[in-house]
Amino acid sequence: MQDVEDSAWVQKLPDLSVVRGAEDPLARFKEHAQRTPHKVLVLAESAGRREPCSTSCAPAT
């Protein structure tokens, strides 16, 4: 996507896939969320999917 590389509005995201079986399956996502200067919006398609995500992505206290 060459036209995206120079865009100030749109940038391609890095690989944020979940690595099942890993010690921290959401490590790629968490690293991106910590490094980006932008807000991150996470959507879940159901309450059942929201709970594990909100637990795993909760900020450290």
Protein backbone atom coordinates (compact mmCIF):
# COMPACT_ATOMS: atom_id res chain seq x y z
CA MET A 1 0.00 0.00 0.00
CA GLN A 2 2.35 2.69 -1.21
CA ASP A 3 -0.24 5.45 -1.09
CA VAL A 4 -0.74 4.84 2.65
CA GLU A 5 2.95 5.09 3.55
CA ASP A 6 3.01 8.84 2.94
CA SER A 7 -0.42 9.64 4.35
CA ALA A 8 -0.69 11.79 7.45
CA TRP A 9 -4.21 10.45 8.09
CA VAL A 10 -3.92 6.72 7.45
CA GLN A 11 -1.13 4.36 8.45
CA LYS A 12 -0.93 0.59 8.18
CA LEU A 13 -0.97 -1.12 11.59
CA PRO A 14 1.75 -3.56 12.61
CA ASP A 15 0.89 -7.24 13.13
CA LEU A 16 -1.39 -7.23 16.19
CA SER A 17 -2.51 -10.85 16.00
CA VAL A 18 -3.16 -12.87 19.14
CA VAL A 19 -0.60 -15.64 19.69
CA ARG A 20 -2.57 -18.47 21.25
CA GLY A 21 -0.55 -20.59 23.67
CA ALA A 22 1.98 -17.82 24.31
CA GLU A 23 2.71 -16.65 27.85
CA ASP A 24 1.06 -13.33 26.95
CA PRO A 25 -1.19 -13.87 23.90
CA LEU A 26 -1.90 -10.13 23.61
CA ALA A 27 1.74 -8.99 23.83
CA ARG A 28 1.79 -7.52 20.30
CA PHE A 29 -1.34 -5.49 20.93
CA LYS A 30 -0.18 -4.31 24.36
CA GLU A 31 3.19 -3.20 23.00
CA HIS A 32 1.51 -1.22 20.23
CA ALA A 33 -0.97 0.37 22.65
CA GLN A 34 1.87 1.45 24.95
CA ARG A 35 4.02 2.88 22.15
CA THR A 36 1.45 4.74 20.08
CA PRO A 37 0.82 8.40 20.90
CA HIS A 38 -2.79 7.90 19.77
CA LYS A 39 -5.84 6.70 21.65
CA VAL A 40 -6.70 3.03 21.14
CA LEU A 41 -10.29 1.87 20.79
CA VAL A 42 -11.03 -1.81 21.42
CA LEU A 43 -14.38 -3.21 20.35
CA ALA A 44 -15.88 -6.57 21.31
CA GLU A 45 -18.74 -8.15 19.41
CA SER A 46 -20.41 -9.47 22.57
CA ALA A 47 -20.28 -9.17 26.37
CA GLY A 48 -18.71 -12.63 26.49
CA ARG A 49 -15.79 -11.43 24.40
CA ARG A 50 -15.56 -8.11 26.20
CA GLU A 51 -14.78 -9.61 29.62
CA PRO A 52 -11.54 -11.44 28.71
CA CYS A 53 -10.38 -8.45 26.70
CA SER A 54 -11.06 -5.94 29.46
CA THR A 55 -9.23 -8.15 31.97
CA SER A 56 -6.22 -8.71 29.71
CA CYS A 57 -5.96 -5.12 28.52
CA ALA A 58 -6.52 -3.39 31.84
CA PRO A 59 -3.81 -0.87 32.77
CA ALA A 60 -1.32 -1.98 35.38
CA THR A 61 -1.81 -0.37 38.78
